[in-house]
Amino acid sequence: MGRYRPPQKPGSNYITPNGEKTLREELDYLWRTKRPEVTRAVSEAAAQGDRSENAEYIYGKKQLREIDRRVRFLRKRLEHLKVVSEKPSDTSRIFFGAWVELEDDDGNTYKYKLVGPDEFNLKMGLLSIDSPMARALLKKQVDDEIETGTDEHRKNYFIISINYD
C-alpha cells in the first residue's frame, strides 16, 4: 500500500475576530522573536566547526525550516480568511459564531461555539464549522433535535439555547 493521500478539500475561510488576532500574534511571534533566536543559535553552532556532526546546527536548521513553513502557511491563510464579526440577522437560528448549548439523551449538557477550522479547540468548547456536528447544527433552532455519529454509534442531541455573545 502506498503513502498516497488524496488532497484534502480546503476548510472554510471564516474566522472570528479573536481567532484572527491569535493567528496574527503567532505569526508576529514566530517572525520577530522565535526565528531570530533560532537563527542566532544556528550561526553560533556553525561557528564551532564541522557542521555534518554538529547536532545543534542540524537541529537548528530543522527548526528554521519548521518556522519558515508555518510562517508561509499563516501568511497565505490570513490573506484568504474572512473575519465574521457581525451577528446574523436571524439570531434564533444557529450560524457561524453562535454559542450553542446541547443536551444528549443521558441528560449531559455541552456548550460549543461554532468557529473556523483554524481556531477550533474542543477543550475550550470551540467547534469547527466544518465538523459533522456543526454541519448538523447549522440553521437549527432551540428545541430542534440533531443526530450525529456513525451507523453503529448514533447520538441524539437537543438544542437548549443559542447565544451570539
N, C-alpha and C. Protein backbone atom coordinates (compact mmCIF):
# COMPACT_ATOMS: atom_id res chain seq x y z
N MET A 1 0.85 -1.18 0.00
CA MET A 1 0.00 0.00 0.00
C MET A 1 0.89 1.24 0.00
N GLY A 2 0.60 2.17 -0.87
CA GLY A 2 1.41 3.37 -1.00
C GLY A 2 1.09 4.40 0.06
N ARG A 3 1.87 5.44 0.08
CA ARG A 3 1.68 6.52 1.04
C ARG A 3 0.82 7.64 0.49
N TYR A 4 0.27 7.45 -0.69
CA TYR A 4 -0.53 8.50 -1.32
C TYR A 4 -1.76 8.83 -0.48
N ARG A 5 -1.97 10.10 -0.28
CA ARG A 5 -3.17 10.56 0.39
C ARG A 5 -3.83 11.58 -0.53
N PRO A 6 -5.11 11.40 -0.81
CA PRO A 6 -5.75 12.37 -1.70
C PRO A 6 -5.76 13.74 -1.04
N PRO A 7 -5.67 14.80 -1.83
CA PRO A 7 -5.65 16.13 -1.25
C PRO A 7 -6.93 16.42 -0.47
N GLN A 8 -6.77 17.09 0.67
CA GLN A 8 -7.93 17.44 1.46
C GLN A 8 -8.61 18.65 0.84
N LYS A 9 -9.94 18.65 0.93
CA LYS A 9 -10.63 19.82 0.44
C LYS A 9 -10.39 20.96 1.44
N PRO A 10 -10.21 22.16 0.95
CA PRO A 10 -9.89 23.26 1.86
C PRO A 10 -11.04 23.53 2.82
N GLY A 11 -10.68 23.94 4.03
CA GLY A 11 -11.67 24.26 5.04
C GLY A 11 -12.34 25.59 4.75
N SER A 12 -13.28 25.92 5.56
CA SER A 12 -13.97 27.21 5.42
C SER A 12 -13.00 28.35 5.63
N ASN A 13 -13.26 29.46 5.00
CA ASN A 13 -12.39 30.62 5.13
C ASN A 13 -12.91 31.62 6.15
N TYR A 14 -13.77 31.18 7.05
CA TYR A 14 -14.32 32.07 8.06
C TYR A 14 -13.52 31.97 9.34
N ILE A 15 -13.45 33.10 10.05
CA ILE A 15 -12.74 33.13 11.33
C ILE A 15 -13.36 34.24 12.18
N THR A 16 -13.31 34.06 13.48
CA THR A 16 -13.80 35.10 14.39
C THR A 16 -12.70 36.14 14.57
N PRO A 17 -13.05 37.35 15.01
CA PRO A 17 -12.01 38.36 15.23
C PRO A 17 -10.95 37.89 16.23
N ASN A 18 -11.37 37.17 17.26
CA ASN A 18 -10.42 36.67 18.25
C ASN A 18 -9.47 35.63 17.63
N GLY A 19 -10.00 34.79 16.76
CA GLY A 19 -9.18 33.79 16.08
C GLY A 19 -8.16 34.43 15.16
N GLU A 20 -8.58 35.48 14.44
CA GLU A 20 -7.64 36.18 13.56
C GLU A 20 -6.54 36.84 14.38
N LYS A 21 -6.91 37.42 15.50
CA LYS A 21 -5.92 38.06 16.36
C LYS A 21 -4.90 37.04 16.85
N THR A 22 -5.36 35.86 17.22
CA THR A 22 -4.46 34.81 17.70
C THR A 22 -3.49 34.38 16.61
N LEU A 23 -3.99 34.20 15.38
CA LEU A 23 -3.11 33.80 14.28
C LEU A 23 -2.09 34.89 13.96
N ARG A 24 -2.53 36.16 14.00
CA ARG A 24 -1.59 37.26 13.73
C ARG A 24 -0.52 37.35 14.82
N GLU A 25 -0.92 37.11 16.08
CA GLU A 25 0.05 37.12 17.18
C GLU A 25 1.06 35.99 17.02
N GLU A 26 0.58 34.81 16.60
CA GLU A 26 1.50 33.69 16.37
C GLU A 26 2.48 34.02 15.26
N LEU A 27 1.99 34.58 14.16
CA LEU A 27 2.86 34.96 13.05
C LEU A 27 3.90 35.98 13.50
N ASP A 28 3.47 36.99 14.24
CA ASP A 28 4.38 38.03 14.73
C ASP A 28 5.44 37.42 15.65
N TYR A 29 5.01 36.53 16.56
CA TYR A 29 5.97 35.90 17.49
C TYR A 29 6.99 35.07 16.73
N LEU A 30 6.52 34.26 15.77
CA LEU A 30 7.44 33.41 15.02
C LEU A 30 8.44 34.24 14.22
N TRP A 31 7.95 35.30 13.57
CA TRP A 31 8.81 36.08 12.68
C TRP A 31 9.74 37.03 13.43
N ARG A 32 9.25 37.67 14.48
CA ARG A 32 10.04 38.71 15.15
C ARG A 32 10.82 38.20 16.36
N THR A 33 10.39 37.09 16.97
CA THR A 33 11.04 36.62 18.19
C THR A 33 11.72 35.27 18.00
N LYS A 34 10.95 34.27 17.65
CA LYS A 34 11.46 32.90 17.59
C LYS A 34 12.50 32.71 16.49
N ARG A 35 12.21 33.19 15.29
CA ARG A 35 13.14 32.98 14.17
C ARG A 35 14.50 33.65 14.41
N PRO A 36 14.55 34.90 14.89
CA PRO A 36 15.86 35.49 15.18
C PRO A 36 16.65 34.72 16.25
N GLU A 37 15.95 34.19 17.26
CA GLU A 37 16.63 33.40 18.30
C GLU A 37 17.26 32.15 17.70
N VAL A 38 16.49 31.43 16.88
CA VAL A 38 16.98 30.19 16.29
C VAL A 38 18.10 30.51 15.29
N THR A 39 17.95 31.57 14.52
CA THR A 39 19.00 31.96 13.56
C THR A 39 20.31 32.26 14.29
N ARG A 40 20.21 32.95 15.41
CA ARG A 40 21.40 33.25 16.22
C ARG A 40 22.04 31.96 16.72
N ALA A 41 21.21 31.02 17.21
CA ALA A 41 21.74 29.75 17.71
C ALA A 41 22.39 28.93 16.60
N VAL A 42 21.81 28.96 15.40
CA VAL A 42 22.38 28.23 14.26
C VAL A 42 23.72 28.83 13.86
N SER A 43 23.81 30.15 13.83
CA SER A 43 25.09 30.77 13.44
C SER A 43 26.17 30.51 14.49
N GLU A 44 25.81 30.45 15.77
CA GLU A 44 26.78 30.11 16.82
C GLU A 44 27.23 28.66 16.67
N ALA A 45 26.30 27.77 16.36
CA ALA A 45 26.65 26.36 16.17
C ALA A 45 27.51 26.18 14.93
N ALA A 46 27.25 26.96 13.87
CA ALA A 46 28.04 26.86 12.64
C ALA A 46 29.47 27.32 12.87
N ALA A 47 29.64 28.26 13.79
CA ALA A 47 30.99 28.79 14.07
C ALA A 47 31.86 27.78 14.80
N GLN A 48 31.26 26.72 15.32
CA GLN A 48 32.02 25.72 16.09
C GLN A 48 32.79 24.75 15.19
N GLY A 49 32.57 24.79 13.90
CA GLY A 49 33.34 23.92 13.02
C GLY A 49 32.49 22.98 12.21
N ASP A 50 32.86 21.71 12.21
CA ASP A 50 32.26 20.68 11.36
C ASP A 50 30.74 20.63 11.55
N ARG A 51 30.04 20.96 10.48
CA ARG A 51 28.58 21.03 10.56
C ARG A 51 27.92 19.67 10.37
N SER A 52 28.59 18.73 9.75
CA SER A 52 27.98 17.44 9.45
C SER A 52 27.70 16.62 10.72
N GLU A 53 28.48 16.84 11.78
CA GLU A 53 28.28 16.09 13.01
C GLU A 53 27.84 17.00 14.17
N ASN A 54 27.46 18.22 13.85
CA ASN A 54 27.06 19.18 14.88
C ASN A 54 25.54 19.11 15.08
N ALA A 55 25.13 18.46 16.17
CA ALA A 55 23.70 18.25 16.41
C ALA A 55 22.95 19.57 16.61
N GLU A 56 23.58 20.52 17.26
CA GLU A 56 22.92 21.81 17.48
C GLU A 56 22.64 22.51 16.15
N TYR A 57 23.60 22.42 15.24
CA TYR A 57 23.44 23.04 13.93
C TYR A 57 22.32 22.35 13.15
N ILE A 58 22.36 21.02 13.11
CA ILE A 58 21.36 20.25 12.36
C ILE A 58 19.97 20.49 12.93
N TYR A 59 19.83 20.45 14.24
CA TYR A 59 18.53 20.67 14.87
C TYR A 59 18.04 22.11 14.64
N GLY A 60 18.96 23.07 14.71
CA GLY A 60 18.60 24.47 14.48
C GLY A 60 18.10 24.71 13.06
N LYS A 61 18.76 24.08 12.08
CA LYS A 61 18.31 24.21 10.69
C LYS A 61 16.92 23.59 10.52
N LYS A 62 16.69 22.47 11.19
CA LYS A 62 15.37 21.84 11.12
C LYS A 62 14.32 22.76 11.73
N GLN A 63 14.64 23.37 12.86
CA GLN A 63 13.70 24.32 13.49
C GLN A 63 13.40 25.49 12.57
N LEU A 64 14.43 26.01 11.90
CA LEU A 64 14.22 27.12 10.97
C LEU A 64 13.29 26.73 9.83
N ARG A 65 13.45 25.51 9.29
CA ARG A 65 12.55 25.05 8.23
C ARG A 65 11.12 24.98 8.73
N GLU A 66 10.93 24.46 9.96
CA GLU A 66 9.58 24.36 10.52
C GLU A 66 8.97 25.75 10.75
N ILE A 67 9.77 26.67 11.26
CA ILE A 67 9.28 28.04 11.48
C ILE A 67 8.91 28.69 10.16
N ASP A 68 9.78 28.56 9.16
CA ASP A 68 9.51 29.16 7.86
C ASP A 68 8.27 28.55 7.21
N ARG A 69 8.08 27.24 7.37
CA ARG A 69 6.89 26.59 6.81
C ARG A 69 5.63 27.14 7.46
N ARG A 70 5.66 27.28 8.79
CA ARG A 70 4.48 27.80 9.50
C ARG A 70 4.22 29.27 9.14
N VAL A 71 5.27 30.06 9.01
CA VAL A 71 5.13 31.48 8.64
C VAL A 71 4.50 31.60 7.25
N ARG A 72 4.98 30.78 6.29
CA ARG A 72 4.40 30.80 4.94
C ARG A 72 2.93 30.42 4.99
N PHE A 73 2.61 29.37 5.75
CA PHE A 73 1.22 28.94 5.87
C PHE A 73 0.36 30.05 6.46
N LEU A 74 0.80 30.67 7.55
CA LEU A 74 0.00 31.71 8.21
C LEU A 74 -0.20 32.91 7.29
N ARG A 75 0.83 33.32 6.58
CA ARG A 75 0.69 34.47 5.68
C ARG A 75 -0.32 34.19 4.57
N LYS A 76 -0.22 33.01 3.97
CA LYS A 76 -1.17 32.65 2.92
C LYS A 76 -2.58 32.54 3.48
N ARG A 77 -2.70 31.91 4.62
CA ARG A 77 -4.02 31.66 5.20
C ARG A 77 -4.69 32.97 5.60
N LEU A 78 -3.93 33.88 6.22
CA LEU A 78 -4.50 35.15 6.65
C LEU A 78 -4.97 36.00 5.48
N GLU A 79 -4.35 35.83 4.31
CA GLU A 79 -4.80 36.57 3.11
C GLU A 79 -6.20 36.16 2.71
N HIS A 80 -6.54 34.89 2.88
CA HIS A 80 -7.80 34.35 2.37
C HIS A 80 -8.91 34.29 3.39
N LEU A 81 -8.62 34.56 4.65
CA LEU A 81 -9.64 34.45 5.69
C LEU A 81 -10.62 35.61 5.64
N LYS A 82 -11.86 35.32 5.96
CA LYS A 82 -12.89 36.34 6.06
C LYS A 82 -13.31 36.43 7.52
N VAL A 83 -13.08 37.58 8.13
CA VAL A 83 -13.41 37.78 9.54
C VAL A 83 -14.91 38.06 9.65
N VAL A 84 -15.58 37.25 10.46
CA VAL A 84 -17.02 37.40 10.67
C VAL A 84 -17.21 37.99 12.06
N SER A 85 -17.58 39.27 12.11
CA SER A 85 -17.72 39.94 13.40
C SER A 85 -19.15 40.37 13.69
N GLU A 86 -20.01 40.28 12.69
CA GLU A 86 -21.40 40.71 12.88
C GLU A 86 -22.30 39.52 13.18
N LYS A 87 -23.33 39.78 13.96
CA LYS A 87 -24.33 38.75 14.23
C LYS A 87 -25.20 38.58 13.00
N PRO A 88 -25.75 37.38 12.80
CA PRO A 88 -26.66 37.20 11.66
C PRO A 88 -27.98 37.93 11.92
N SER A 89 -28.72 38.15 10.88
CA SER A 89 -30.00 38.86 11.03
C SER A 89 -31.01 38.03 11.82
N ASP A 90 -30.96 36.71 11.69
CA ASP A 90 -31.87 35.83 12.42
C ASP A 90 -31.10 35.13 13.53
N THR A 91 -31.14 35.69 14.73
CA THR A 91 -30.38 35.12 15.85
C THR A 91 -31.10 33.97 16.54
N SER A 92 -32.25 33.58 16.04
CA SER A 92 -32.94 32.43 16.62
C SER A 92 -32.45 31.13 15.97
N ARG A 93 -31.64 31.23 14.94
CA ARG A 93 -31.08 30.06 14.27
C ARG A 93 -29.58 30.01 14.51
N ILE A 94 -29.01 28.82 14.29
CA ILE A 94 -27.58 28.61 14.52
C ILE A 94 -26.81 28.92 13.24
N PHE A 95 -25.86 29.85 13.35
CA PHE A 95 -24.95 30.19 12.27
C PHE A 95 -23.55 30.31 12.84
N PHE A 96 -22.59 30.68 12.00
CA PHE A 96 -21.20 30.84 12.42
C PHE A 96 -21.12 31.82 13.59
N GLY A 97 -20.34 31.49 14.60
CA GLY A 97 -20.13 32.36 15.76
C GLY A 97 -21.12 32.16 16.88
N ALA A 98 -22.07 31.25 16.73
CA ALA A 98 -23.09 31.04 17.77
C ALA A 98 -22.56 30.15 18.88
N TRP A 99 -22.91 30.50 20.11
CA TRP A 99 -22.72 29.59 21.25
C TRP A 99 -23.98 28.75 21.33
N VAL A 100 -23.81 27.43 21.35
CA VAL A 100 -24.94 26.51 21.34
C VAL A 100 -24.83 25.60 22.56
N GLU A 101 -25.92 25.50 23.30
CA GLU A 101 -25.95 24.56 24.42
C GLU A 101 -26.80 23.37 24.02
N LEU A 102 -26.21 22.18 24.18
CA LEU A 102 -26.86 20.94 23.77
C LEU A 102 -27.05 20.01 24.95
N GLU A 103 -28.04 19.15 24.85
CA GLU A 103 -28.25 18.11 25.86
C GLU A 103 -28.42 16.78 25.13
N ASP A 104 -27.69 15.75 25.60
CA ASP A 104 -27.82 14.44 24.96
C ASP A 104 -28.92 13.63 25.65
N ASP A 105 -29.13 12.41 25.18
CA ASP A 105 -30.20 11.56 25.71
C ASP A 105 -29.99 11.20 27.18
N ASP A 106 -28.74 11.23 27.64
CA ASP A 106 -28.43 10.88 29.03
C ASP A 106 -28.56 12.06 29.98
N GLY A 107 -28.86 13.24 29.47
CA GLY A 107 -29.01 14.42 30.31
C GLY A 107 -27.74 15.23 30.46
N ASN A 108 -26.65 14.84 29.79
CA ASN A 108 -25.39 15.60 29.84
C ASN A 108 -25.53 16.83 28.95
N THR A 109 -25.00 17.96 29.43
CA THR A 109 -25.06 19.18 28.63
C THR A 109 -23.68 19.55 28.10
N TYR A 110 -23.66 20.14 26.94
CA TYR A 110 -22.43 20.57 26.28
C TYR A 110 -22.65 21.96 25.73
N LYS A 111 -21.59 22.76 25.76
CA LYS A 111 -21.68 24.12 25.21
C LYS A 111 -20.56 24.31 24.21
N TYR A 112 -20.92 24.67 22.97
CA TYR A 112 -19.96 24.84 21.89
C TYR A 112 -20.18 26.17 21.18
N LYS A 113 -19.08 26.71 20.67
CA LYS A 113 -19.16 27.88 19.81
C LYS A 113 -18.69 27.45 18.43
N LEU A 114 -19.45 27.77 17.39
CA LEU A 114 -19.08 27.42 16.03
C LEU A 114 -18.07 28.43 15.50
N VAL A 115 -16.86 27.95 15.23
CA VAL A 115 -15.75 28.81 14.80
C VAL A 115 -15.12 28.22 13.54
N GLY A 116 -14.16 28.93 13.00
CA GLY A 116 -13.46 28.47 11.80
C GLY A 116 -12.53 27.31 12.10
N PRO A 117 -12.11 26.59 11.06
CA PRO A 117 -11.26 25.42 11.26
C PRO A 117 -9.87 25.76 11.81
N ASP A 118 -9.45 27.01 11.71
CA ASP A 118 -8.13 27.40 12.21
C ASP A 118 -8.11 27.65 13.71
N GLU A 119 -9.25 27.71 14.34
CA GLU A 119 -9.28 28.09 15.75
C GLU A 119 -10.03 27.10 16.64
N PHE A 120 -10.41 25.94 16.10
CA PHE A 120 -11.20 25.02 16.91
C PHE A 120 -10.36 24.44 18.05
N ASN A 121 -11.02 24.21 19.18
CA ASN A 121 -10.39 23.62 20.37
C ASN A 121 -11.51 23.07 21.24
N LEU A 122 -11.71 21.78 21.20
CA LEU A 122 -12.84 21.19 21.91
C LEU A 122 -12.75 21.37 23.42
N LYS A 123 -11.53 21.44 23.97
CA LYS A 123 -11.39 21.64 25.42
C LYS A 123 -11.94 22.99 25.84
N MET A 124 -11.88 23.97 24.95
CA MET A 124 -12.42 25.30 25.24
C MET A 124 -13.84 25.46 24.70
N GLY A 125 -14.38 24.41 24.10
CA GLY A 125 -15.74 24.47 23.58
C GLY A 125 -15.84 25.11 22.21
N LEU A 126 -14.73 25.17 21.47
CA LEU A 126 -14.73 25.77 20.14
C LEU A 126 -14.82 24.66 19.10
N LEU A 127 -15.93 24.61 18.39
CA LEU A 127 -16.23 23.54 17.44
C LEU A 127 -16.08 24.06 16.01
N SER A 128 -15.30 23.36 15.19
CA SER A 128 -15.07 23.78 13.82
C SER A 128 -16.36 23.73 13.01
N ILE A 129 -16.58 24.76 12.22
CA ILE A 129 -17.77 24.85 11.37
C ILE A 129 -17.77 23.73 10.33
N ASP A 130 -16.62 23.14 10.05
CA ASP A 130 -16.51 22.06 9.07
C ASP A 130 -16.76 20.68 9.67
N SER A 131 -16.92 20.58 10.99
CA SER A 131 -17.13 19.28 11.63
C SER A 131 -18.54 18.77 11.34
N PRO A 132 -18.72 17.45 11.38
CA PRO A 132 -20.05 16.89 11.12
C PRO A 132 -21.11 17.40 12.10
N MET A 133 -20.75 17.58 13.36
CA MET A 133 -21.73 18.06 14.33
C MET A 133 -22.15 19.49 14.00
N ALA A 134 -21.18 20.35 13.66
CA ALA A 134 -21.51 21.73 13.32
C ALA A 134 -22.37 21.79 12.07
N ARG A 135 -22.07 20.96 11.10
CA ARG A 135 -22.89 20.93 9.88
C ARG A 135 -24.33 20.54 10.20
N ALA A 136 -24.48 19.60 11.15
CA ALA A 136 -25.83 19.19 11.55
C ALA A 136 -26.54 20.30 12.31
N LEU A 137 -25.79 21.15 13.02
CA LEU A 137 -26.38 22.22 13.82
C LEU A 137 -26.81 23.43 12.99
N LEU A 138 -26.15 23.67 11.87
CA LEU A 138 -26.42 24.87 11.08
C LEU A 138 -27.90 25.02 10.75
N LYS A 139 -28.40 26.23 10.97
CA LYS A 139 -29.78 26.65 10.67
C LYS A 139 -30.84 26.00 11.56
N LYS A 140 -30.41 25.31 12.60
CA LYS A 140 -31.38 24.73 13.53
C LYS A 140 -31.79 25.78 14.55
N GLN A 141 -32.88 25.50 15.30
CA GLN A 141 -33.40 26.41 16.31
C GLN A 141 -33.45 25.71 17.66
N VAL A 142 -33.80 26.47 18.69
CA VAL A 142 -33.98 25.91 20.02
C VAL A 142 -35.08 24.85 19.96
N ASP A 143 -34.89 23.76 20.69
CA ASP A 143 -35.79 22.60 20.78
C ASP A 143 -35.72 21.69 19.57
N ASP A 144 -34.86 21.99 18.58
CA ASP A 144 -34.66 21.05 17.48
C ASP A 144 -33.77 19.91 17.97
N GLU A 145 -33.82 18.81 17.26
CA GLU A 145 -33.01 17.64 17.60
C GLU A 145 -32.07 17.35 16.45
N ILE A 146 -30.81 16.99 16.77
CA ILE A 146 -29.87 16.58 15.73
C ILE A 146 -29.37 15.18 16.06
N GLU A 147 -28.89 14.50 15.04
CA GLU A 147 -28.36 13.16 15.21
C GLU A 147 -26.98 13.13 14.56
N THR A 148 -25.96 12.68 15.29
CA THR A 148 -24.61 12.62 14.74
C THR A 148 -24.00 11.27 15.06
N GLY A 149 -22.86 11.01 14.45
CA GLY A 149 -22.12 9.78 14.71
C GLY A 149 -22.19 8.83 13.53
N THR A 150 -21.58 7.66 13.74
CA THR A 150 -21.59 6.63 12.70
C THR A 150 -22.84 5.77 12.84
N ASP A 151 -23.02 4.86 11.92
CA ASP A 151 -24.20 3.99 11.97
C ASP A 151 -24.27 3.19 13.26
N GLU A 152 -23.12 2.73 13.75
CA GLU A 152 -23.09 1.92 14.97
C GLU A 152 -23.22 2.76 16.23
N HIS A 153 -22.78 3.99 16.18
CA HIS A 153 -22.74 4.84 17.36
C HIS A 153 -23.48 6.16 17.13
N ARG A 154 -24.76 6.09 16.93
CA ARG A 154 -25.58 7.30 16.75
C ARG A 154 -25.84 7.95 18.10
N LYS A 155 -25.87 9.27 18.09
CA LYS A 155 -26.15 10.01 19.31
C LYS A 155 -27.08 11.17 18.97
N ASN A 156 -28.08 11.37 19.81
CA ASN A 156 -29.04 12.45 19.61
C ASN A 156 -28.76 13.58 20.58
N TYR A 157 -28.93 14.80 20.10
CA TYR A 157 -28.77 15.99 20.93
C TYR A 157 -29.98 16.89 20.74
N PHE A 158 -30.36 17.57 21.82
CA PHE A 158 -31.43 18.56 21.77
C PHE A 158 -30.80 19.93 21.97
N ILE A 159 -31.22 20.91 21.20
CA ILE A 159 -30.67 22.26 21.32
C ILE A 159 -31.42 22.98 22.43
N ILE A 160 -30.69 23.38 23.46
CA ILE A 160 -31.29 24.05 24.62
C ILE A 160 -31.31 25.56 24.45
N SER A 161 -30.14 26.10 23.97
CA SER A 161 -30.09 27.56 23.82
C SER A 161 -29.12 27.94 22.72
N ILE A 162 -29.34 29.14 22.17
CA ILE A 162 -28.49 29.74 21.14
C ILE A 162 -28.16 31.14 21.59
N ASN A 163 -26.87 31.50 21.51
CA ASN A 163 -26.42 32.77 22.03
C ASN A 163 -25.33 33.32 21.13
N TYR A 164 -25.33 34.61 20.85
CA TYR A 164 -24.31 35.21 19.98
C TYR A 164 -23.44 36.22 20.72
N ASP A 165 -23.19 36.02 22.01
CA ASP A 165 -22.35 36.95 22.77
C ASP A 165 -20.89 36.60 22.63
